[in-house]
Amino acid sequence: MEDQIETIKSASIHEREEIITDFARWLETASQDAFVYGEGRFALMSASMAEAIRLNADELARETPETAERVLQQAWSMISRFKAAYPHPVISRSVH
């Protein structure tokens, strides 16, 4: 993930948009995992950030790469904090 943040400066607009969308997808996955772990605040915050990134992906890709890089660093920071607190992946999300 961190490699993608660094390569965003040299990527084309289309590639930037794909990278930005990937980060939104990873944030949504982290949000779902947080919900399973009972971290409602983090789940809501990361889902909101993922939605904002996804809605503005085109605009972020067309603006200066530094802006997109800053947004992706914030997203990566949130994902990293969650992974540090819960290092084991969620195997099943089913509720009984």
PDB file of N, CA and C in Angstrom:
ATOM      1  N   MET A   1       0.813  -1.194   0.000  1.00  0.00           N
ATOM      2  CA  MET A   1       0.000   0.000   0.000  1.00  0.00           C
ATOM      3  C   MET A   1       0.857   1.258   0.000  1.00  0.00           C
ATOM      4  N   GLU A   2       1.895   1.241   0.826  1.00  0.00           N
ATOM      5  CA  GLU A   2       2.739   2.433   0.892  1.00  0.00           C
ATOM      6  C   GLU A   2       3.443   2.691  -0.434  1.00  0.00           C
ATOM      7  N   ASP A   3       3.749   1.621  -1.161  1.00  0.00           N
ATOM      8  CA  ASP A   3       4.388   1.785  -2.468  1.00  0.00           C
ATOM      9  C   ASP A   3       3.478   2.551  -3.419  1.00  0.00           C
ATOM     10  N   GLN A   4       2.194   2.279  -3.322  1.00  0.00           N
ATOM     11  CA  GLN A   4       1.244   2.951  -4.207  1.00  0.00           C
ATOM     12  C   GLN A   4       1.153   4.440  -3.897  1.00  0.00           C
ATOM     13  N   ILE A   5       1.311   4.789  -2.626  1.00  0.00           N
ATOM     14  CA  ILE A   5       1.286   6.212  -2.266  1.00  0.00           C
ATOM     15  C   ILE A   5       2.463   6.928  -2.923  1.00  0.00           C
ATOM     16  N   GLU A   6       3.621   6.277  -2.900  1.00  0.00           N
ATOM     17  CA  GLU A   6       4.811   6.903  -3.470  1.00  0.00           C
ATOM     18  C   GLU A   6       4.758   6.976  -4.995  1.00  0.00           C
ATOM     19  N   THR A   7       4.118   5.993  -5.638  1.00  0.00           N
ATOM     20  CA  THR A   7       4.074   5.982  -7.102  1.00  0.00           C
ATOM     21  C   THR A   7       2.973   6.870  -7.670  1.00  0.00           C
ATOM     22  N   ILE A   8       2.139   7.412  -6.817  1.00  0.00           N
ATOM     23  CA  ILE A   8       1.013   8.213  -7.318  1.00  0.00           C
ATOM     24  C   ILE A   8       1.492   9.470  -8.045  1.00  0.00           C
ATOM     25  N   LYS A   9       2.659   9.977  -7.677  1.00  0.00           N
ATOM     26  CA  LYS A   9       3.177  11.185  -8.330  1.00  0.00           C
ATOM     27  C   LYS A   9       3.519  10.939  -9.798  1.00  0.00           C
ATOM     28  N   SER A  10       3.992   9.743 -10.102  1.00  0.00           N
ATOM     29  CA  SER A  10       4.392   9.453 -11.481  1.00  0.00           C
ATOM     30  C   SER A  10       3.303   8.740 -12.283  1.00  0.00           C
ATOM     31  N   ALA A  11       2.170   8.459 -11.660  1.00  0.00           N
ATOM     32  CA  ALA A  11       1.097   7.725 -12.334  1.00  0.00           C
ATOM     33  C   ALA A  11       0.251   8.652 -13.203  1.00  0.00           C
ATOM     34  N   SER A  12      -0.389   8.053 -14.194  1.00  0.00           N
ATOM     35  CA  SER A  12      -1.316   8.817 -15.032  1.00  0.00           C
ATOM     36  C   SER A  12      -2.599   9.086 -14.244  1.00  0.00           C
ATOM     37  N   ILE A  13      -3.459   9.916 -14.779  1.00  0.00           N
ATOM     38  CA  ILE A  13      -4.710  10.250 -14.093  1.00  0.00           C
ATOM     39  C   ILE A  13      -5.559   9.006 -13.882  1.00  0.00           C
ATOM     40  N   HIS A  14      -5.646   8.160 -14.901  1.00  0.00           N
ATOM     41  CA  HIS A  14      -6.432   6.923 -14.788  1.00  0.00           C
ATOM     42  C   HIS A  14      -5.844   5.997 -13.721  1.00  0.00           C
ATOM     43  N   GLU A  15      -4.519   5.853 -13.699  1.00  0.00           N
ATOM     44  CA  GLU A  15      -3.869   5.007 -12.695  1.00  0.00           C
ATOM     45  C   GLU A  15      -4.066   5.572 -11.294  1.00  0.00           C
ATOM     46  N   ARG A  16      -3.973   6.895 -11.163  1.00  0.00           N
ATOM     47  CA  ARG A  16      -4.208   7.529  -9.859  1.00  0.00           C
ATOM     48  C   ARG A  16      -5.610   7.232  -9.354  1.00  0.00           C
ATOM     49  N   GLU A  17      -6.581   7.335 -10.253  1.00  0.00           N
ATOM     50  CA  GLU A  17      -7.964   7.076  -9.854  1.00  0.00           C
ATOM     51  C   GLU A  17      -8.132   5.634  -9.380  1.00  0.00           C
ATOM     52  N   GLU A  18      -7.478   4.689 -10.039  1.00  0.00           N
ATOM     53  CA  GLU A  18      -7.539   3.289  -9.616  1.00  0.00           C
ATOM     54  C   GLU A  18      -6.915   3.097  -8.242  1.00  0.00           C
ATOM     55  N   ILE A  19      -5.771   3.735  -8.011  1.00  0.00           N
ATOM     56  CA  ILE A  19      -5.100   3.631  -6.713  1.00  0.00           C
ATOM     57  C   ILE A  19      -5.982   4.222  -5.619  1.00  0.00           C
ATOM     58  N   ILE A  20      -6.568   5.363  -5.883  1.00  0.00           N
ATOM     59  CA  ILE A  20      -7.438   6.021  -4.908  1.00  0.00           C
ATOM     60  C   ILE A  20      -8.649   5.151  -4.600  1.00  0.00           C
ATOM     61  N   THR A  21      -9.229   4.545  -5.623  1.00  0.00           N
ATOM     62  CA  THR A  21     -10.376   3.658  -5.428  1.00  0.00           C
ATOM     63  C   THR A  21      -9.978   2.418  -4.632  1.00  0.00           C
ATOM     64  N   ASP A  22      -8.769   1.900  -4.866  1.00  0.00           N
ATOM     65  CA  ASP A  22      -8.283   0.757  -4.085  1.00  0.00           C
ATOM     66  C   ASP A  22      -8.212   1.107  -2.602  1.00  0.00           C
ATOM     67  N   PHE A  23      -7.713   2.290  -2.294  1.00  0.00           N
ATOM     68  CA  PHE A  23      -7.637   2.702  -0.893  1.00  0.00           C
ATOM     69  C   PHE A  23      -9.024   2.810  -0.277  1.00  0.00           C
ATOM     70  N   ALA A  24      -9.982   3.310  -1.035  1.00  0.00           N
ATOM     71  CA  ALA A  24     -11.359   3.383  -0.529  1.00  0.00           C
ATOM     72  C   ALA A  24     -11.877   1.977  -0.238  1.00  0.00           C
ATOM     73  N   ARG A  25     -11.572   1.042  -1.110  1.00  0.00           N
ATOM     74  CA  ARG A  25     -11.998  -0.347  -0.910  1.00  0.00           C
ATOM     75  C   ARG A  25     -11.355  -0.939   0.347  1.00  0.00           C
ATOM     76  N   TRP A  26     -10.059  -0.667   0.559  1.00  0.00           N
ATOM     77  CA  TRP A  26      -9.372  -1.176   1.748  1.00  0.00           C
ATOM     78  C   TRP A  26      -9.942  -0.558   3.022  1.00  0.00           C
ATOM     79  N   LEU A  27     -10.300   0.708   2.956  1.00  0.00           N
ATOM     80  CA  LEU A  27     -10.940   1.346   4.112  1.00  0.00           C
ATOM     81  C   LEU A  27     -12.303   0.723   4.400  1.00  0.00           C
ATOM     82  N   GLU A  28     -13.061   0.399   3.364  1.00  0.00           N
ATOM     83  CA  GLU A  28     -14.360  -0.249   3.565  1.00  0.00           C
ATOM     84  C   GLU A  28     -14.193  -1.622   4.210  1.00  0.00           C
ATOM     85  N   THR A  29     -13.173  -2.365   3.793  1.00  0.00           N
ATOM     86  CA  THR A  29     -12.892  -3.667   4.402  1.00  0.00           C
ATOM     87  C   THR A  29     -12.510  -3.496   5.866  1.00  0.00           C
ATOM     88  N   ALA A  30     -11.674  -2.513   6.158  1.00  0.00           N
ATOM     89  CA  ALA A  30     -11.298  -2.239   7.545  1.00  0.00           C
ATOM     90  C   ALA A  30     -12.519  -1.839   8.360  1.00  0.00           C
ATOM     91  N   SER A  31     -13.430  -1.102   7.753  1.00  0.00           N
ATOM     92  CA  SER A  31     -14.661  -0.702   8.429  1.00  0.00           C
ATOM     93  C   SER A  31     -15.509  -1.920   8.791  1.00  0.00           C
ATOM     94  N   GLN A  32     -15.644  -2.840   7.855  1.00  0.00           N
ATOM     95  CA  GLN A  32     -16.416  -4.059   8.122  1.00  0.00           C
ATOM     96  C   GLN A  32     -15.764  -4.893   9.216  1.00  0.00           C
ATOM     97  N   ASP A  33     -14.439  -5.013   9.168  1.00  0.00           N
ATOM     98  CA  ASP A  33     -13.725  -5.762  10.198  1.00  0.00           C
ATOM     99  C   ASP A  33     -13.878  -5.092  11.562  1.00  0.00           C
ATOM    100  N   ALA A  34     -13.806  -3.777  11.592  1.00  0.00           N
ATOM    101  CA  ALA A  34     -13.961  -3.044  12.850  1.00  0.00           C
ATOM    102  C   ALA A  34     -15.346  -3.267  13.436  1.00  0.00           C
ATOM    103  N   PHE A  35     -16.344  -3.311  12.590  1.00  0.00           N
ATOM    104  CA  PHE A  35     -17.705  -3.567  13.055  1.00  0.00           C
ATOM    105  C   PHE A  35     -17.797  -4.944  13.706  1.00  0.00           C
ATOM    106  N   VAL A  36     -17.138  -5.930  13.108  1.00  0.00           N
ATOM    107  CA  VAL A  36     -17.130  -7.287  13.670  1.00  0.00           C
ATOM    108  C   VAL A  36     -16.456  -7.289  15.035  1.00  0.00           C
ATOM    109  N   TYR A  37     -15.384  -6.524  15.180  1.00  0.00           N
ATOM    110  CA  TYR A  37     -14.660  -6.455  16.452  1.00  0.00           C
ATOM    111  C   TYR A  37     -15.354  -5.563  17.485  1.00  0.00           C
ATOM    112  N   GLY A  38     -16.428  -4.923  17.118  1.00  0.00           N
ATOM    113  CA  GLY A  38     -17.155  -4.074  18.052  1.00  0.00           C
ATOM    114  C   GLY A  38     -16.634  -2.654  18.134  1.00  0.00           C
ATOM    115  N   GLU A  39     -15.839  -2.249  17.174  1.00  0.00           N
ATOM    116  CA  GLU A  39     -15.287  -0.896  17.131  1.00  0.00           C
ATOM    117  C   GLU A  39     -16.176  -0.017  16.253  1.00  0.00           C
ATOM    118  N   GLY A  40     -17.336   0.330  16.770  1.00  0.00           N
ATOM    119  CA  GLY A  40     -18.322   1.070  15.997  1.00  0.00           C
ATOM    120  C   GLY A  40     -17.854   2.429  15.531  1.00  0.00           C
ATOM    121  N   ARG A  41     -17.136   3.146  16.400  1.00  0.00           N
ATOM    122  CA  ARG A  41     -16.668   4.486  16.017  1.00  0.00           C
ATOM    123  C   ARG A  41     -15.677   4.419  14.864  1.00  0.00           C
ATOM    124  N   PHE A  42     -14.737   3.469  14.972  1.00  0.00           N
ATOM    125  CA  PHE A  42     -13.768   3.328  13.886  1.00  0.00           C
ATOM    126  C   PHE A  42     -14.458   2.865  12.611  1.00  0.00           C
ATOM    127  N   ALA A  43     -15.411   1.957  12.748  1.00  0.00           N
ATOM    128  CA  ALA A  43     -16.141   1.460  11.578  1.00  0.00           C
ATOM    129  C   ALA A  43     -16.848   2.607  10.866  1.00  0.00           C
ATOM    130  N   LEU A  44     -17.502   3.460  11.624  1.00  0.00           N
ATOM    131  CA  LEU A  44     -18.218   4.591  11.033  1.00  0.00           C
ATOM    132  C   LEU A  44     -17.255   5.592  10.401  1.00  0.00           C
ATOM    133  N   MET A  45     -16.171   5.887  11.110  1.00  0.00           N
ATOM    134  CA  MET A  45     -15.215   6.867  10.611  1.00  0.00           C
ATOM    135  C   MET A  45     -14.530   6.379   9.329  1.00  0.00           C
ATOM    136  N   SER A  46     -14.114   5.121   9.304  1.00  0.00           N
ATOM    137  CA  SER A  46     -13.435   4.626   8.106  1.00  0.00           C
ATOM    138  C   SER A  46     -14.409   4.442   6.945  1.00  0.00           C
ATOM    139  N   ALA A  47     -15.650   4.071   7.232  1.00  0.00           N
ATOM    140  CA  ALA A  47     -16.653   3.963   6.161  1.00  0.00           C
ATOM    141  C   ALA A  47     -16.945   5.337   5.568  1.00  0.00           C
ATOM    142  N   SER A  48     -17.026   6.345   6.422  1.00  0.00           N
ATOM    143  CA  SER A  48     -17.269   7.713   5.940  1.00  0.00           C
ATOM    144  C   SER A  48     -16.101   8.216   5.101  1.00  0.00           C
ATOM    145  N   MET A  49     -14.893   7.931   5.556  1.00  0.00           N
ATOM    146  CA  MET A  49     -13.714   8.357   4.807  1.00  0.00           C
ATOM    147  C   MET A  49     -13.644   7.626   3.465  1.00  0.00           C
ATOM    148  N   ALA A  50     -13.970   6.339   3.466  1.00  0.00           N
ATOM    149  CA  ALA A  50     -13.966   5.568   2.221  1.00  0.00           C
ATOM    150  C   ALA A  50     -14.978   6.129   1.231  1.00  0.00           C
ATOM    151  N   GLU A  51     -16.144   6.485   1.732  1.00  0.00           N
ATOM    152  CA  GLU A  51     -17.177   7.046   0.856  1.00  0.00           C
ATOM    153  C   GLU A  51     -16.736   8.395   0.286  1.00  0.00           C
ATOM    154  N   ALA A  52     -16.140   9.225   1.129  1.00  0.00           N
ATOM    155  CA  ALA A  52     -15.670  10.534   0.663  1.00  0.00           C
ATOM    156  C   ALA A  52     -14.571  10.381  -0.386  1.00  0.00           C
ATOM    157  N   ILE A  53     -13.671   9.439  -0.163  1.00  0.00           N
ATOM    158  CA  ILE A  53     -12.594   9.209  -1.125  1.00  0.00           C
ATOM    159  C   ILE A  53     -13.165   8.692  -2.438  1.00  0.00           C
ATOM    160  N   ARG A  54     -14.090   7.741  -2.335  1.00  0.00           N
ATOM    161  CA  ARG A  54     -14.674   7.156  -3.551  1.00  0.00           C
ATOM    162  C   ARG A  54     -15.443   8.216  -4.359  1.00  0.00           C
ATOM    163  N   LEU A  55     -16.211   9.062  -3.669  1.00  0.00           N
ATOM    164  CA  LEU A  55     -16.988  10.094  -4.365  1.00  0.00           C
ATOM    165  C   LEU A  55     -16.100  11.134  -5.042  1.00  0.00           C
ATOM    166  N   ASN A  56     -14.938  11.379  -4.461  1.00  0.00           N
ATOM    167  CA  ASN A  56     -14.040  12.410  -4.988  1.00  0.00           C
ATOM    168  C   ASN A  56     -12.822  11.838  -5.703  1.00  0.00           C
ATOM    169  N   ALA A  57     -12.851  10.556  -6.037  1.00  0.00           N
ATOM    170  CA  ALA A  57     -11.690   9.906  -6.656  1.00  0.00           C
ATOM    171  C   ALA A  57     -11.285  10.586  -7.958  1.00  0.00           C
ATOM    172  N   ASP A  58     -12.252  10.923  -8.782  1.00  0.00           N
ATOM    173  CA  ASP A  58     -11.943  11.562 -10.061  1.00  0.00           C
ATOM    174  C   ASP A  58     -11.277  12.918  -9.848  1.00  0.00           C
ATOM    175  N   GLU A  59     -11.836  13.689  -8.946  1.00  0.00           N
ATOM    176  CA  GLU A  59     -11.280  15.020  -8.663  1.00  0.00           C
ATOM    177  C   GLU A  59      -9.887  14.915  -8.045  1.00  0.00           C
ATOM    178  N   LEU A  60      -9.711  13.974  -7.115  1.00  0.00           N
ATOM    179  CA  LEU A  60      -8.401  13.789  -6.493  1.00  0.00           C
ATOM    180  C   LEU A  60      -7.359  13.357  -7.521  1.00  0.00           C
ATOM    181  N   ALA A  61      -7.764  12.516  -8.454  1.00  0.00           N
ATOM    182  CA  ALA A  61      -6.824  12.033  -9.473  1.00  0.00           C
ATOM    183  C   ALA A  61      -6.391  13.156 -10.409  1.00  0.00           C
ATOM    184  N   ARG A  62      -7.256  14.116 -10.641  1.00  0.00           N
ATOM    185  CA  ARG A  62      -6.949  15.197 -11.585  1.00  0.00           C
ATOM    186  C   ARG A  62      -6.207  16.365 -10.927  1.00  0.00           C
ATOM    187  N   GLU A  63      -6.342  16.502  -9.612  1.00  0.00           N
ATOM    188  CA  GLU A  63      -5.644  17.588  -8.918  1.00  0.00           C
ATOM    189  C   GLU A  63      -4.157  17.268  -8.815  1.00  0.00           C
ATOM    190  N   THR A  64      -3.463  18.090  -8.082  1.00  0.00           N
ATOM    191  CA  THR A  64      -2.035  17.856  -7.895  1.00  0.00           C
ATOM    192  C   THR A  64      -1.823  16.531  -7.172  1.00  0.00           C
ATOM    193  N   PRO A  65      -0.804  15.789  -7.540  1.00  0.00           N
ATOM    194  CA  PRO A  65      -0.545  14.496  -6.899  1.00  0.00           C
ATOM    195  C   PRO A  65      -0.301  14.612  -5.393  1.00  0.00           C
ATOM    196  N   GLU A  66       0.184  15.757  -4.957  1.00  0.00           N
ATOM    197  CA  GLU A  66       0.455  15.939  -3.530  1.00  0.00           C
ATOM    198  C   GLU A  66      -0.832  15.877  -2.707  1.00  0.00           C
ATOM    199  N   THR A  67      -1.918  16.401  -3.261  1.00  0.00           N
ATOM    200  CA  THR A  67      -3.208  16.360  -2.566  1.00  0.00           C
ATOM    201  C   THR A  67      -3.678  14.926  -2.414  1.00  0.00           C
ATOM    202  N   ALA A  68      -3.617  14.170  -3.484  1.00  0.00           N
ATOM    203  CA  ALA A  68      -4.022  12.764  -3.428  1.00  0.00           C
ATOM    204  C   ALA A  68      -3.112  11.991  -2.485  1.00  0.00           C
ATOM    205  N   GLU A  69      -1.827  12.294  -2.524  1.00  0.00           N
ATOM    206  CA  GLU A  69      -0.873  11.614  -1.651  1.00  0.00           C
ATOM    207  C   GLU A  69      -1.207  11.869  -0.181  1.00  0.00           C
ATOM    208  N   ARG A  70      -1.555  13.089   0.147  1.00  0.00           N
ATOM    209  CA  ARG A  70      -1.908  13.432   1.526  1.00  0.00           C
ATOM    210  C   ARG A  70      -3.152  12.672   1.988  1.00  0.00           C
ATOM    211  N   VAL A  71      -4.165  12.593   1.128  1.00  0.00           N
ATOM    212  CA  VAL A  71      -5.397  11.875   1.469  1.00  0.00           C
ATOM    213  C   VAL A  71      -5.103  10.392   1.665  1.00  0.00           C
ATOM    214  N   LEU A  72      -4.301   9.815   0.780  1.00  0.00           N
ATOM    215  CA  LEU A  72      -3.977   8.391   0.889  1.00  0.00           C
ATOM    216  C   LEU A  72      -3.126   8.099   2.118  1.00  0.00           C
ATOM    217  N   GLN A  73      -2.263   9.032   2.507  1.00  0.00           N
ATOM    218  CA  GLN A  73      -1.485   8.850   3.731  1.00  0.00           C
ATOM    219  C   GLN A  73      -2.396   8.832   4.953  1.00  0.00           C
ATOM    220  N   GLN A  74      -3.420   9.664   4.957  1.00  0.00           N
ATOM    221  CA  GLN A  74      -4.380   9.654   6.058  1.00  0.00           C
ATOM    222  C   GLN A  74      -5.148   8.336   6.092  1.00  0.00           C
ATOM    223  N   ALA A  75      -5.547   7.851   4.924  1.00  0.00           N
ATOM    224  CA  ALA A  75      -6.256   6.570   4.855  1.00  0.00           C
ATOM    225  C   ALA A  75      -5.347   5.442   5.327  1.00  0.00           C
ATOM    226  N   TRP A  76      -4.100   5.448   4.882  1.00  0.00           N
ATOM    227  CA  TRP A  76      -3.148   4.414   5.287  1.00  0.00           C
ATOM    228  C   TRP A  76      -2.909   4.474   6.794  1.00  0.00           C
ATOM    229  N   SER A  77      -2.867   5.661   7.355  1.00  0.00           N
ATOM    230  CA  SER A  77      -2.688   5.819   8.796  1.00  0.00           C
ATOM    231  C   SER A  77      -3.835   5.171   9.562  1.00  0.00           C
ATOM    232  N   MET A  78      -5.052   5.374   9.097  1.00  0.00           N
ATOM    233  CA  MET A  78      -6.211   4.761   9.761  1.00  0.00           C
ATOM    234  C   MET A  78      -6.166   3.244   9.653  1.00  0.00           C
ATOM    235  N   ILE A  79      -5.850   2.736   8.472  1.00  0.00           N
ATOM    236  CA  ILE A  79      -5.782   1.288   8.275  1.00  0.00           C
ATOM    237  C   ILE A  79      -4.674   0.697   9.141  1.00  0.00           C
ATOM    238  N   SER A  80      -3.533   1.354   9.209  1.00  0.00           N
ATOM    239  CA  SER A  80      -2.400   0.870  10.003  1.00  0.00           C
ATOM    240  C   SER A  80      -2.729   0.818  11.486  1.00  0.00           C
ATOM    241  N   ARG A  81      -3.398   1.850  11.980  1.00  0.00           N
ATOM    242  CA  ARG A  81      -3.777   1.860  13.399  1.00  0.00           C
ATOM    243  C   ARG A  81      -4.705   0.704  13.726  1.00  0.00           C
ATOM    244  N   PHE A  82      -5.652   0.448  12.843  1.00  0.00           N
ATOM    245  CA  PHE A  82      -6.580  -0.650  13.087  1.00  0.00           C
ATOM    246  C   PHE A  82      -5.853  -1.989  13.040  1.00  0.00           C
ATOM    247  N   LYS A  83      -4.969  -2.159  12.066  1.00  0.00           N
ATOM    248  CA  LYS A  83      -4.228  -3.421  11.956  1.00  0.00           C
ATOM    249  C   LYS A  83      -3.289  -3.621  13.141  1.00  0.00           C
ATOM    250  N   ALA A  84      -2.779  -2.533  13.704  1.00  0.00           N
ATOM    251  CA  ALA A  84      -1.918  -2.647  14.880  1.00  0.00           C
ATOM    252  C   ALA A  84      -2.719  -3.095  16.097  1.00  0.00           C
ATOM    253  N   ALA A  85      -3.942  -2.601  16.215  1.00  0.00           N
ATOM    254  CA  ALA A  85      -4.792  -2.972  17.349  1.00  0.00           C
ATOM    255  C   ALA A  85      -5.373  -4.372  17.183  1.00  0.00           C
ATOM    256  N   TYR A  86      -5.663  -4.766  15.948  1.00  0.00           N
ATOM    257  CA  TYR A  86      -6.265  -6.070  15.653  1.00  0.00           C
ATOM    258  C   TYR A  86      -5.470  -6.737  14.530  1.00  0.00           C
ATOM    259  N   PRO A  87      -4.323  -7.349  14.882  1.00  0.00           N
ATOM    260  CA  PRO A  87      -3.444  -7.893  13.835  1.00  0.00           C
ATOM    261  C   PRO A  87      -3.968  -9.148  13.136  1.00  0.00           C
ATOM    262  N   HIS A  88      -4.928  -9.825  13.740  1.00  0.00           N
ATOM    263  CA  HIS A  88      -5.425 -11.066  13.148  1.00  0.00           C
ATOM    264  C   HIS A  88      -6.620 -10.775  12.247  1.00  0.00           C
ATOM    265  N   PRO A  89      -6.610 -11.316  11.034  1.00  0.00           N
ATOM    266  CA  PRO A  89      -7.719 -11.044  10.108  1.00  0.00           C
ATOM    267  C   PRO A  89      -9.018 -11.697  10.564  1.00  0.00           C
ATOM    268  N   VAL A  90     -10.116 -11.101  10.180  1.00  0.00           N
ATOM    269  CA  VAL A  90     -11.432 -11.661  10.469  1.00  0.00           C
ATOM    270  C   VAL A  90     -11.654 -12.818   9.505  1.00  0.00           C
ATOM    271  N   ILE A  91     -11.964 -13.978  10.057  1.00  0.00           N
ATOM    272  CA  ILE A  91     -12.164 -15.158   9.218  1.00  0.00           C
ATOM    273  C   ILE A  91     -13.592 -15.214   8.706  1.00  0.00           C
ATOM    274  N   SER A  92     -14.541 -14.895   9.571  1.00  0.00           N
ATOM    275  CA  SER A  92     -15.945 -14.960   9.176  1.00  0.00           C
ATOM    276  C   SER A  92     -16.677 -13.756   9.741  1.00  0.00           C
ATOM    277  N   ARG A  93     -17.576 -13.205   8.949  1.00  0.00           N
ATOM    278  CA  ARG A  93     -18.366 -12.066   9.401  1.00  0.00           C
ATOM    279  C   ARG A  93     -19.802 -12.473   9.697  1.00  0.00           C
ATOM    280  N   SER A  94     -20.080 -13.755   9.718  1.00  0.00           N
ATOM    281  CA  SER A  94     -21.459 -14.199   9.927  1.00  0.00           C
ATOM    282  C   SER A  94     -21.884 -13.985  11.371  1.00  0.00           C
ATOM    283  N   VAL A  95     -23.131 -13.605  11.536  1.00  0.00           N
ATOM    284  CA  VAL A  95     -23.699 -13.352  12.853  1.00  0.00           C
ATOM    285  C   VAL A  95     -24.726 -14.434  13.126  1.00  0.00           C
ATOM    286  N   HIS A  96     -24.625 -15.040  14.299  1.00  0.00           N
ATOM    287  CA  HIS A  96     -25.557 -16.124  14.653  1.00  0.00           C
ATOM    288  C   HIS A  96     -26.562 -15.647  15.662  1.00  0.00           C
TER     289      HIS A  96
END
